[in-house]
Amino acid sequence: MIKWFETVGDHSDIVISSRIRLARNLVNYPFCGRLTPEQEKQLKAEVKNALEKINLGDNSLQFMEVGQLSQNEGLSMVENHIVSPDFLENKNALLALSKDDSVSIMVNEEDHLRVQDWIWSVRWILQIKWMTCWMKVWIMRLMISWAF
């Protein structure tokens, strides 16, 4: 879990936390409720391939197949707001989770991609820049669907 309570420095006794969430679908796939099991596997592989090429340094992403999580692991992730309860229902879903649990990327949830990034204290500006960087990477590596 995020160890914001171990942070030291100016104003470390004040904590403001929030979560940035971003949901997107890919162009070449039907919406999640209409994906076949084979399409779910293809989508998972395509997204994982794109995410593996992103260098997060010491906070690298770890990939977990939802079908291989124990019930306790899943419940713990729901309680810590890492994943949604609905996400755990799809055994063809994939979770990419940063080592510090601050970033989680759900593949094959309600949307093809659901990213959330926990922000606390002075990290606000850095995290907004980070999320903008993610979107640029996705646009270059994945065919993101845009609807306005």
C-alpha atoms as a PDB file:
ATOM      1  CA  MET A   1       0.000   0.000   0.000  1.00  0.00           C
ATOM      2  CA  ILE A   2       1.044   3.613  -0.463  1.00  0.00           C
ATOM      3  CA  LYS A   3       3.299   4.673   2.371  1.00  0.00           C
ATOM      4  CA  TRP A   4       2.452   8.364   2.437  1.00  0.00           C
ATOM      5  CA  PHE A   5       2.526   8.212   6.249  1.00  0.00           C
ATOM      6  CA  GLU A   6       6.270   7.499   6.145  1.00  0.00           C
ATOM      7  CA  THR A   7       7.018  10.671   4.164  1.00  0.00           C
ATOM      8  CA  VAL A   8       9.335  13.162   5.837  1.00  0.00           C
ATOM      9  CA  GLY A   9      10.032  16.793   5.030  1.00  0.00           C
ATOM     10  CA  ASP A  10       8.318  20.158   5.077  1.00  0.00           C
ATOM     11  CA  HIS A  11       4.643  19.866   5.909  1.00  0.00           C
ATOM     12  CA  SER A  12       4.792  16.064   6.069  1.00  0.00           C
ATOM     13  CA  ASP A  13       2.230  16.257   8.874  1.00  0.00           C
ATOM     14  CA  ILE A  14      -0.349  17.507   6.345  1.00  0.00           C
ATOM     15  CA  VAL A  15      -1.641  15.018   3.827  1.00  0.00           C
ATOM     16  CA  ILE A  16      -3.930  15.754   0.928  1.00  0.00           C
ATOM     17  CA  SER A  17      -4.787  12.732  -1.129  1.00  0.00           C
ATOM     18  CA  SER A  18      -6.779  12.148  -4.226  1.00  0.00           C
ATOM     19  CA  ARG A  19      -6.994   9.763  -7.098  1.00  0.00           C
ATOM     20  CA  ILE A  20      -6.778  10.478 -10.809  1.00  0.00           C
ATOM     21  CA  ARG A  21      -8.817   7.989 -12.807  1.00  0.00           C
ATOM     22  CA  LEU A  22      -8.808   7.617 -16.534  1.00  0.00           C
ATOM     23  CA  ALA A  23     -10.837   5.183 -18.623  1.00  0.00           C
ATOM     24  CA  ARG A  24     -10.298   4.527 -22.325  1.00  0.00           C
ATOM     25  CA  ASN A  25     -11.267   2.032 -24.997  1.00  0.00           C
ATOM     26  CA  LEU A  26      -9.214   0.862 -27.958  1.00  0.00           C
ATOM     27  CA  VAL A  27     -10.440   1.464 -31.491  1.00  0.00           C
ATOM     28  CA  ASN A  28     -10.093  -2.041 -32.920  1.00  0.00           C
ATOM     29  CA  TYR A  29     -12.147  -3.827 -30.249  1.00  0.00           C
ATOM     30  CA  PRO A  30     -15.841  -3.843 -29.337  1.00  0.00           C
ATOM     31  CA  PHE A  31     -16.813  -2.559 -25.897  1.00  0.00           C
ATOM     32  CA  CYS A  32     -15.966  -4.890 -23.023  1.00  0.00           C
ATOM     33  CA  GLY A  33     -19.452  -6.325 -22.657  1.00  0.00           C
ATOM     34  CA  ARG A  34     -19.280  -7.504 -26.274  1.00  0.00           C
ATOM     35  CA  LEU A  35     -15.735  -8.898 -26.362  1.00  0.00           C
ATOM     36  CA  THR A  36     -15.332 -12.617 -27.020  1.00  0.00           C
ATOM     37  CA  PRO A  37     -12.929 -14.492 -24.717  1.00  0.00           C
ATOM     38  CA  GLU A  38     -10.434 -14.580 -27.612  1.00  0.00           C
ATOM     39  CA  GLN A  39     -10.695 -10.798 -28.095  1.00  0.00           C
ATOM     40  CA  GLU A  40     -10.199 -10.293 -24.352  1.00  0.00           C
ATOM     41  CA  LYS A  41      -6.969 -12.299 -24.555  1.00  0.00           C
ATOM     42  CA  GLN A  42      -5.782 -10.335 -27.610  1.00  0.00           C
ATOM     43  CA  LEU A  43      -6.574  -7.020 -25.923  1.00  0.00           C
ATOM     44  CA  LYS A  44      -4.735  -8.108 -22.796  1.00  0.00           C
ATOM     45  CA  ALA A  45      -1.662  -9.103 -24.796  1.00  0.00           C
ATOM     46  CA  GLU A  46      -1.638  -5.869 -26.806  1.00  0.00           C
ATOM     47  CA  VAL A  47      -1.906  -3.648 -23.735  1.00  0.00           C
ATOM     48  CA  LYS A  48       0.642  -5.674 -21.760  1.00  0.00           C
ATOM     49  CA  ASN A  49       3.098  -5.447 -24.653  1.00  0.00           C
ATOM     50  CA  ALA A  50       2.722  -1.648 -24.745  1.00  0.00           C
ATOM     51  CA  LEU A  51       3.003  -1.271 -20.949  1.00  0.00           C
ATOM     52  CA  GLU A  52       6.107  -3.478 -20.700  1.00  0.00           C
ATOM     53  CA  LYS A  53       7.974  -0.944 -22.832  1.00  0.00           C
ATOM     54  CA  ILE A  54       7.380   1.870 -20.345  1.00  0.00           C
ATOM     55  CA  ASN A  55      10.245   2.486 -17.932  1.00  0.00           C
ATOM     56  CA  LEU A  56       9.049   3.551 -14.483  1.00  0.00           C
ATOM     57  CA  GLY A  57      12.433   3.058 -12.848  1.00  0.00           C
ATOM     58  CA  ASP A  58      12.210   1.634  -9.330  1.00  0.00           C
ATOM     59  CA  ASN A  59       8.392   1.748  -9.392  1.00  0.00           C
ATOM     60  CA  SER A  60       7.979  -0.719 -12.258  1.00  0.00           C
ATOM     61  CA  LEU A  61       4.702  -2.384 -13.122  1.00  0.00           C
ATOM     62  CA  GLN A  62       3.938  -5.932 -12.061  1.00  0.00           C
ATOM     63  CA  PHE A  63       1.357  -7.884 -14.058  1.00  0.00           C
ATOM     64  CA  MET A  64      -1.267 -10.101 -12.457  1.00  0.00           C
ATOM     65  CA  GLU A  65      -3.888 -12.281 -14.106  1.00  0.00           C
ATOM     66  CA  VAL A  66      -7.169 -11.822 -12.235  1.00  0.00           C
ATOM     67  CA  GLY A  67      -7.990 -15.517 -12.640  1.00  0.00           C
ATOM     68  CA  GLN A  68      -4.854 -16.368 -10.649  1.00  0.00           C
ATOM     69  CA  LEU A  69      -5.533 -14.073  -7.673  1.00  0.00           C
ATOM     70  CA  SER A  70      -6.752 -15.663  -4.470  1.00  0.00           C
ATOM     71  CA  GLN A  71     -10.034 -14.489  -3.006  1.00  0.00           C
ATOM     72  CA  ASN A  72      -8.169 -12.779  -0.147  1.00  0.00           C
ATOM     73  CA  GLU A  73      -5.804 -10.983  -2.549  1.00  0.00           C
ATOM     74  CA  GLY A  74      -8.767  -9.732  -4.558  1.00  0.00           C
ATOM     75  CA  LEU A  75     -10.694  -8.558  -1.496  1.00  0.00           C
ATOM     76  CA  SER A  76      -7.620  -6.780  -0.151  1.00  0.00           C
ATOM     77  CA  MET A  77      -7.197  -4.942  -3.465  1.00  0.00           C
ATOM     78  CA  VAL A  78     -10.855  -3.903  -3.450  1.00  0.00           C
ATOM     79  CA  GLU A  79     -10.582  -2.641   0.143  1.00  0.00           C
ATOM     80  CA  ASN A  80      -7.488  -0.627  -0.784  1.00  0.00           C
ATOM     81  CA  HIS A  81      -9.242   0.794  -3.880  1.00  0.00           C
ATOM     82  CA  ILE A  82      -6.698  -0.760  -6.223  1.00  0.00           C
ATOM     83  CA  VAL A  83      -9.384  -2.571  -8.240  1.00  0.00           C
ATOM     84  CA  SER A  84     -13.161  -2.528  -8.435  1.00  0.00           C
ATOM     85  CA  PRO A  85     -15.302  -5.466  -7.300  1.00  0.00           C
ATOM     86  CA  ASP A  86     -16.627  -5.869 -10.868  1.00  0.00           C
ATOM     87  CA  PHE A  87     -13.084  -6.186 -12.186  1.00  0.00           C
ATOM     88  CA  LEU A  88     -12.536  -9.355 -10.154  1.00  0.00           C
ATOM     89  CA  GLU A  89     -15.514 -11.031 -11.852  1.00  0.00           C
ATOM     90  CA  ASN A  90     -13.718 -11.220 -15.225  1.00  0.00           C
ATOM     91  CA  LYS A  91     -11.182 -14.038 -15.092  1.00  0.00           C
ATOM     92  CA  ASN A  92      -9.772 -12.785 -18.446  1.00  0.00           C
ATOM     93  CA  ALA A  93      -8.805  -9.462 -16.887  1.00  0.00           C
ATOM     94  CA  LEU A  94      -5.265  -8.222 -16.291  1.00  0.00           C
ATOM     95  CA  LEU A  95      -3.944  -5.919 -13.595  1.00  0.00           C
ATOM     96  CA  ALA A  96      -0.770  -3.883 -13.958  1.00  0.00           C
ATOM     97  CA  LEU A  97       0.230  -2.578 -10.535  1.00  0.00           C
ATOM     98  CA  SER A  98       3.173  -0.408  -9.574  1.00  0.00           C
ATOM     99  CA  LYS A  99       5.434  -1.707  -6.806  1.00  0.00           C
ATOM    100  CA  ASP A 100       4.190   0.950  -4.372  1.00  0.00           C
ATOM    101  CA  ASP A 101       0.526   0.306  -5.332  1.00  0.00           C
ATOM    102  CA  SER A 102       0.059   3.960  -6.313  1.00  0.00           C
ATOM    103  CA  VAL A 103      -0.688   3.159  -9.970  1.00  0.00           C
ATOM    104  CA  SER A 104      -3.079   0.458 -11.094  1.00  0.00           C
ATOM    105  CA  ILE A 105      -4.137  -0.296 -14.644  1.00  0.00           C
ATOM    106  CA  MET A 106      -7.121  -2.574 -15.089  1.00  0.00           C
ATOM    107  CA  VAL A 107      -7.455  -4.229 -18.504  1.00  0.00           C
ATOM    108  CA  ASN A 108     -10.858  -5.659 -19.470  1.00  0.00           C
ATOM    109  CA  GLU A 109     -12.835  -3.947 -16.749  1.00  0.00           C
ATOM    110  CA  GLU A 110     -15.917  -1.878 -17.659  1.00  0.00           C
ATOM    111  CA  ASP A 111     -13.655  -0.158 -20.192  1.00  0.00           C
ATOM    112  CA  HIS A 112     -10.701  -1.665 -22.021  1.00  0.00           C
ATOM    113  CA  LEU A 113      -8.309   0.382 -19.864  1.00  0.00           C
ATOM    114  CA  ARG A 114      -8.945   1.901 -16.480  1.00  0.00           C
ATOM    115  CA  VAL A 115      -5.971   3.697 -14.947  1.00  0.00           C
ATOM    116  CA  GLN A 116      -5.862   5.168 -11.500  1.00  0.00           C
ATOM    117  CA  ASP A 117      -3.076   6.994  -9.805  1.00  0.00           C
ATOM    118  CA  TRP A 118      -3.125   7.861  -6.111  1.00  0.00           C
ATOM    119  CA  ILE A 119      -1.778  11.300  -5.338  1.00  0.00           C
ATOM    120  CA  TRP A 120      -0.787  12.595  -1.970  1.00  0.00           C
ATOM    121  CA  SER A 121       0.645  15.835  -0.668  1.00  0.00           C
ATOM    122  CA  VAL A 122       3.166  17.629  -2.895  1.00  0.00           C
ATOM    123  CA  ARG A 123       3.079  15.022  -5.656  1.00  0.00           C
ATOM    124  CA  TRP A 124       0.066  16.687  -7.342  1.00  0.00           C
ATOM    125  CA  ILE A 125       1.946  18.487 -10.088  1.00  0.00           C
ATOM    126  CA  LEU A 126       4.245  15.544 -10.750  1.00  0.00           C
ATOM    127  CA  GLN A 127       1.339  13.127 -10.980  1.00  0.00           C
ATOM    128  CA  ILE A 128      -0.639  15.287 -13.388  1.00  0.00           C
ATOM    129  CA  LYS A 129       2.447  15.514 -15.606  1.00  0.00           C
ATOM    130  CA  TRP A 130       2.915  11.748 -15.268  1.00  0.00           C
ATOM    131  CA  MET A 131      -0.686  11.036 -16.347  1.00  0.00           C
ATOM    132  CA  THR A 132      -0.259  13.350 -19.342  1.00  0.00           C
ATOM    133  CA  CYS A 133       2.876  11.403 -20.268  1.00  0.00           C
ATOM    134  CA  TRP A 134       0.937   8.133 -20.022  1.00  0.00           C
ATOM    135  CA  MET A 135      -1.668   9.412 -22.451  1.00  0.00           C
ATOM    136  CA  LYS A 136       1.016  10.373 -24.964  1.00  0.00           C
ATOM    137  CA  VAL A 137       2.554   6.915 -24.714  1.00  0.00           C
ATOM    138  CA  TRP A 138      -0.829   5.247 -25.165  1.00  0.00           C
ATOM    139  CA  ILE A 139      -1.655   7.348 -28.184  1.00  0.00           C
ATOM    140  CA  MET A 140       1.643   6.354 -29.781  1.00  0.00           C
ATOM    141  CA  ARG A 141       1.491   2.640 -28.880  1.00  0.00           C
ATOM    142  CA  LEU A 142      -2.221   1.825 -28.731  1.00  0.00           C
ATOM    143  CA  MET A 143      -5.109   2.934 -30.893  1.00  0.00           C
ATOM    144  CA  ILE A 144      -7.117   4.820 -28.259  1.00  0.00           C
ATOM    145  CA  SER A 145     -10.718   5.622 -29.107  1.00  0.00           C
ATOM    146  CA  TRP A 146     -11.669   9.275 -28.656  1.00  0.00           C
ATOM    147  CA  ALA A 147     -15.266  10.423 -28.511  1.00  0.00           C
ATOM    148  CA  PHE A 148     -16.209  14.031 -27.918  1.00  0.00           C
END
